[in-house]
């Protein structure tokens, strides 16, 4: 599978919300957390999906993020 990054954020609550939305739509995803576990003031949360679902996921996430 070819994975692409569909969203990057520093907001952990938005990140969790997006994961729940993708899960509710039965879309497989991978997550990557580069936030410092010691300081939590740098890094980001990233969501990756299979590139064949890109258009569908972009529409879904637009409804969530505005």
N, C-alpha and C. Protein backbone atom coordinates (compact mmCIF):
# COMPACT_ATOMS: atom_id res chain seq x y z
N UNK A 1 0.83 -1.19 0.00
CA UNK A 1 0.00 0.00 0.00
C UNK A 1 0.87 1.25 0.00
N UNK A 2 0.38 2.26 -0.65
CA UNK A 2 1.06 3.55 -0.66
C UNK A 2 0.36 4.46 0.34
N UNK A 3 1.06 4.81 1.39
CA UNK A 3 0.50 5.65 2.45
C UNK A 3 0.88 7.10 2.21
N UNK A 4 -0.10 8.00 2.42
CA UNK A 4 0.15 9.44 2.30
C UNK A 4 -0.31 10.12 3.58
N UNK A 5 0.35 11.20 3.92
CA UNK A 5 -0.03 11.98 5.09
C UNK A 5 -1.24 12.83 4.72
N UNK A 6 -2.33 12.64 5.43
CA UNK A 6 -3.56 13.36 5.12
C UNK A 6 -3.79 14.54 6.05
N UNK A 7 -3.17 14.51 7.24
CA UNK A 7 -3.37 15.62 8.18
C UNK A 7 -2.23 15.65 9.19
N UNK A 8 -1.76 16.84 9.50
CA UNK A 8 -0.75 17.07 10.53
C UNK A 8 -1.26 18.16 11.45
N UNK A 9 -1.14 17.93 12.76
CA UNK A 9 -1.61 18.91 13.73
C UNK A 9 -0.77 18.82 15.00
N UNK A 10 -0.85 19.87 15.80
CA UNK A 10 -0.24 19.85 17.12
C UNK A 10 -1.31 19.74 18.20
N UNK A 11 -2.57 19.72 17.80
CA UNK A 11 -3.71 19.65 18.71
C UNK A 11 -4.10 18.20 18.94
N UNK A 12 -3.80 17.68 20.12
CA UNK A 12 -4.06 16.27 20.41
C UNK A 12 -5.56 15.96 20.39
N UNK A 13 -6.41 16.91 20.78
CA UNK A 13 -7.85 16.66 20.78
C UNK A 13 -8.40 16.56 19.36
N UNK A 14 -7.94 17.42 18.47
CA UNK A 14 -8.34 17.33 17.06
C UNK A 14 -7.85 16.02 16.46
N UNK A 15 -6.63 15.66 16.79
CA UNK A 15 -6.04 14.41 16.30
C UNK A 15 -6.91 13.21 16.70
N UNK A 16 -7.32 13.15 17.94
CA UNK A 16 -8.16 12.04 18.41
C UNK A 16 -9.52 12.07 17.74
N UNK A 17 -10.07 13.25 17.53
CA UNK A 17 -11.36 13.38 16.86
C UNK A 17 -11.28 12.88 15.42
N UNK A 18 -10.22 13.25 14.72
CA UNK A 18 -10.05 12.81 13.33
C UNK A 18 -9.90 11.29 13.26
N UNK A 19 -9.18 10.72 14.19
CA UNK A 19 -9.03 9.26 14.22
C UNK A 19 -10.39 8.58 14.41
N UNK A 20 -11.23 9.13 15.30
CA UNK A 20 -12.55 8.55 15.53
C UNK A 20 -13.41 8.65 14.28
N UNK A 21 -13.32 9.77 13.55
CA UNK A 21 -14.10 9.94 12.33
C UNK A 21 -13.66 8.93 11.27
N UNK A 22 -12.37 8.78 11.09
CA UNK A 22 -11.87 7.82 10.11
C UNK A 22 -12.29 6.40 10.48
N UNK A 23 -12.20 6.08 11.76
CA UNK A 23 -12.60 4.76 12.23
C UNK A 23 -14.10 4.54 12.00
N UNK A 24 -14.92 5.55 12.24
CA UNK A 24 -16.37 5.44 12.03
C UNK A 24 -16.71 5.19 10.56
N UNK A 25 -15.86 5.66 9.65
CA UNK A 25 -16.07 5.45 8.22
C UNK A 25 -15.32 4.22 7.71
N UNK A 26 -14.79 3.43 8.62
CA UNK A 26 -14.07 2.18 8.29
C UNK A 26 -12.90 2.42 7.34
N UNK A 27 -12.19 3.51 7.58
CA UNK A 27 -11.02 3.83 6.76
C UNK A 27 -9.77 3.50 7.57
N UNK A 28 -8.95 2.61 7.03
CA UNK A 28 -7.71 2.25 7.71
C UNK A 28 -6.75 3.42 7.68
N UNK A 29 -6.07 3.62 8.78
CA UNK A 29 -5.10 4.70 8.87
C UNK A 29 -3.94 4.29 9.76
N UNK A 30 -2.87 5.01 9.62
CA UNK A 30 -1.72 4.87 10.50
C UNK A 30 -1.50 6.23 11.14
N UNK A 31 -0.97 6.21 12.33
CA UNK A 31 -0.70 7.46 13.00
C UNK A 31 0.78 7.55 13.37
N UNK A 32 1.25 8.78 13.44
CA UNK A 32 2.63 9.03 13.81
C UNK A 32 2.65 10.19 14.79
N UNK A 33 3.29 9.96 15.93
CA UNK A 33 3.35 10.96 16.97
C UNK A 33 4.81 11.35 17.16
N UNK A 34 5.14 12.59 16.81
CA UNK A 34 6.51 13.07 16.98
C UNK A 34 6.60 14.12 18.09
N UNK A 35 5.52 14.22 18.90
CA UNK A 35 5.50 15.18 20.01
C UNK A 35 6.44 14.68 21.11
N UNK A 36 7.22 15.60 21.64
CA UNK A 36 8.14 15.26 22.72
C UNK A 36 7.36 14.78 23.94
N UNK A 37 7.68 13.59 24.42
CA UNK A 37 6.97 13.07 25.58
C UNK A 37 7.38 13.77 26.87
N UNK A 38 8.52 14.44 26.85
CA UNK A 38 8.99 15.10 28.05
C UNK A 38 8.42 16.53 28.17
N UNK A 39 8.38 17.24 27.08
CA UNK A 39 8.00 18.65 27.14
C UNK A 39 6.66 18.97 26.49
N UNK A 40 6.20 18.15 25.53
CA UNK A 40 4.95 18.36 24.81
C UNK A 40 4.82 19.73 24.16
N UNK A 41 5.93 20.37 23.82
CA UNK A 41 5.84 21.69 23.21
C UNK A 41 6.45 21.74 21.81
N UNK A 42 6.83 20.60 21.26
CA UNK A 42 7.27 20.57 19.87
C UNK A 42 6.99 19.19 19.29
N UNK A 43 6.88 19.14 17.99
CA UNK A 43 6.51 17.91 17.30
C UNK A 43 5.08 18.00 16.81
N UNK A 44 4.59 16.93 16.23
CA UNK A 44 3.23 16.95 15.69
C UNK A 44 2.63 15.55 15.68
N UNK A 45 1.33 15.52 15.43
CA UNK A 45 0.58 14.28 15.25
C UNK A 45 0.23 14.19 13.77
N UNK A 46 0.46 13.04 13.16
CA UNK A 46 0.22 12.87 11.73
C UNK A 46 -0.66 11.66 11.48
N UNK A 47 -1.57 11.80 10.51
CA UNK A 47 -2.43 10.70 10.08
C UNK A 47 -2.09 10.33 8.64
N UNK A 48 -1.95 9.03 8.40
CA UNK A 48 -1.64 8.51 7.08
C UNK A 48 -2.74 7.57 6.64
N UNK A 49 -3.10 7.66 5.36
CA UNK A 49 -4.10 6.78 4.76
C UNK A 49 -3.55 6.22 3.45
N UNK A 50 -4.22 5.20 2.95
CA UNK A 50 -3.89 4.68 1.63
C UNK A 50 -4.29 5.73 0.60
N UNK A 51 -3.44 5.99 -0.36
CA UNK A 51 -3.68 7.08 -1.32
C UNK A 51 -4.95 6.89 -2.14
N UNK A 52 -5.46 5.68 -2.28
CA UNK A 52 -6.68 5.47 -3.07
C UNK A 52 -7.92 6.06 -2.38
N UNK A 53 -7.83 6.36 -1.09
CA UNK A 53 -8.96 6.93 -0.35
C UNK A 53 -8.82 8.44 -0.16
N UNK A 54 -7.87 9.04 -0.81
CA UNK A 54 -7.56 10.45 -0.57
C UNK A 54 -8.77 11.38 -0.76
N UNK A 55 -9.45 11.29 -1.88
CA UNK A 55 -10.57 12.20 -2.16
C UNK A 55 -11.69 12.02 -1.14
N UNK A 56 -12.02 10.79 -0.83
CA UNK A 56 -13.07 10.50 0.15
C UNK A 56 -12.70 11.05 1.52
N UNK A 57 -11.47 10.84 1.94
CA UNK A 57 -11.03 11.29 3.26
C UNK A 57 -10.96 12.81 3.31
N UNK A 58 -10.51 13.45 2.26
CA UNK A 58 -10.44 14.92 2.24
C UNK A 58 -11.84 15.52 2.44
N UNK A 59 -12.86 14.92 1.82
CA UNK A 59 -14.23 15.41 1.99
C UNK A 59 -14.70 15.20 3.43
N UNK A 60 -14.40 14.05 3.99
CA UNK A 60 -14.81 13.75 5.36
C UNK A 60 -14.13 14.70 6.34
N UNK A 61 -12.82 14.88 6.19
CA UNK A 61 -12.09 15.73 7.13
C UNK A 61 -12.44 17.20 6.98
N UNK A 62 -12.83 17.61 5.79
CA UNK A 62 -13.24 19.01 5.59
C UNK A 62 -14.48 19.31 6.43
N UNK A 63 -15.39 18.34 6.53
CA UNK A 63 -16.58 18.52 7.36
C UNK A 63 -16.22 18.68 8.83
N UNK A 64 -15.16 18.01 9.26
CA UNK A 64 -14.75 18.06 10.66
C UNK A 64 -13.96 19.31 10.98
N UNK A 65 -13.01 19.66 10.11
CA UNK A 65 -12.10 20.76 10.40
C UNK A 65 -12.58 22.10 9.87
N UNK A 66 -13.56 22.08 9.00
CA UNK A 66 -14.12 23.33 8.48
C UNK A 66 -13.45 23.87 7.33
